[in-house]
Protein backbone atom coordinates (compact mmCIF):
# COMPACT_ATOMS: atom_id res chain seq x y z
CA MET A 1 0.00 0.00 0.00
CA THR A 2 1.00 3.62 -0.34
CA PHE A 3 -0.37 7.10 0.26
CA TYR A 4 1.45 9.05 -2.44
CA GLY A 5 2.58 8.71 -6.01
CA PRO A 6 1.47 6.76 -9.05
CA PRO A 7 2.51 3.24 -8.04
CA ASP A 8 1.46 1.44 -11.22
CA PRO A 9 4.94 1.13 -12.75
CA TYR A 10 6.15 -0.54 -9.57
CA ASP A 11 3.24 -2.70 -8.48
CA PRO A 12 -0.10 -2.79 -10.32
CA ASN A 13 -1.73 -4.40 -7.25
CA ILE A 14 -0.84 -1.66 -4.78
CA VAL A 15 -3.64 -0.07 -2.75
CA VAL A 16 -3.67 3.67 -1.98
CA PHE A 17 -4.85 4.72 1.48
CA ARG A 18 -5.83 8.29 2.29
CA ASN A 19 -6.27 8.39 6.06
CA ALA A 20 -5.87 6.45 9.32
CA ILE A 21 -9.25 4.74 8.91
CA GLU A 22 -8.29 3.29 5.53
CA LEU A 23 -4.87 2.34 6.90
CA GLY A 24 -6.55 0.48 9.77
CA GLU A 25 -8.85 -1.33 7.34
CA LEU A 26 -5.87 -2.49 5.27
CA VAL A 27 -4.02 -3.67 8.38
CA ARG A 28 -7.05 -5.66 9.56
CA ARG A 29 -7.50 -7.11 6.07
CA SER A 30 -3.88 -8.30 6.02
CA GLN A 31 -4.40 -9.90 9.44
CA ALA A 32 -7.60 -11.66 8.33
CA GLU A 33 -5.99 -12.92 5.12
CA LYS A 34 -2.73 -13.78 6.93
CA LYS A 35 -0.71 -11.83 4.36
CA GLN A 36 2.29 -9.61 4.89
CA LEU A 37 1.64 -5.92 4.42
CA PHE A 38 4.12 -3.38 3.10
CA VAL A 39 3.97 0.39 2.70
CA ILE A 40 5.97 1.62 -0.27
CA LEU A 41 6.59 5.34 -0.70
CA GLY A 42 8.00 6.86 -3.85
CA TYR A 43 8.93 10.45 -4.63
CA LEU A 44 10.72 10.75 -1.31
CA THR A 45 11.49 14.45 -1.61
CA THR A 46 7.78 15.23 -2.04
CA VAL A 47 6.67 12.78 0.66
CA GLU A 48 9.14 14.16 3.19
CA GLY A 49 8.17 17.76 2.33
CA GLU A 50 4.40 17.63 1.83
CA TYR A 51 3.39 14.56 3.83
CA GLN A 52 5.64 14.87 6.87
CA ASN A 53 2.97 13.75 9.34
CA LYS A 54 2.10 10.54 7.49
CA HIS A 55 5.75 9.72 6.88
CA ALA A 56 6.64 10.39 10.52
CA LEU A 57 3.70 8.23 11.62
CA LEU A 58 5.09 5.24 9.76
CA ARG A 59 8.62 5.85 11.03
CA SER A 60 7.59 6.19 14.66
CA PHE A 61 4.55 3.94 14.91
CA SER A 62 5.20 0.58 16.56
CA LEU A 63 3.07 -1.25 13.97
CA PHE A 64 5.61 -0.82 11.17
CA GLU A 65 9.23 -1.83 10.75
CA ASP A 66 11.35 0.54 8.67
CA LEU A 67 13.07 -1.66 6.06
CA GLY A 68 14.96 1.26 4.57
CA ILE A 69 15.25 2.85 1.16
CA LEU A 70 15.59 1.07 -2.15
CA SER A 71 17.66 3.47 -4.26
CA GLY A 72 16.71 4.21 -7.84
CA LEU A 73 18.75 5.72 -10.64
CA GLU A 74 17.35 9.17 -9.82
CA PRO A 75 17.22 9.08 -6.00
CA SER A 76 14.60 11.80 -5.46
CA LEU A 77 12.21 10.34 -8.06
CA GLN A 78 12.80 6.62 -8.32
CA SER A 79 13.82 5.57 -4.82
CA ARG A 80 11.31 3.85 -2.55
CA HIS A 81 11.03 3.91 1.26
CA VAL A 82 9.67 0.55 2.43
CA PHE A 83 7.92 -0.33 5.69
CA ARG A 84 6.55 -3.72 6.78
CA TYR A 85 3.63 -4.23 9.10
CA ILE A 86 4.73 -6.08 12.22
CA THR A 87 2.15 -8.86 12.29
CA ARG A 88 2.51 -9.65 15.98
CA GLN A 89 1.15 -6.20 16.86
CA ARG A 90 -2.53 -5.44 17.18
CA CYS A 91 -4.04 -2.61 15.15
CA GLU A 92 -5.59 -0.01 17.46
CA PHE A 93 -7.03 2.42 14.92
């Protein structure tokens, strides 16, 4: 899942969430389906500048593990920041 950027070139099955309610629904869905859940953020310069609160939420929230940045050829455009939902945690939102 992601909250910013056109993800189609990277994963045509990605789901875009817009708020904490949708994020919670996706977390609960992954739990029910027993599937791993990843958040993938592209356009890092834009995300870090315009979506600081959402980005900080993922970095500081105990539900997600920061897996780091996958560097692209043009770092500010093609790199991806990846987070994984920690399945042993319970979703509280």
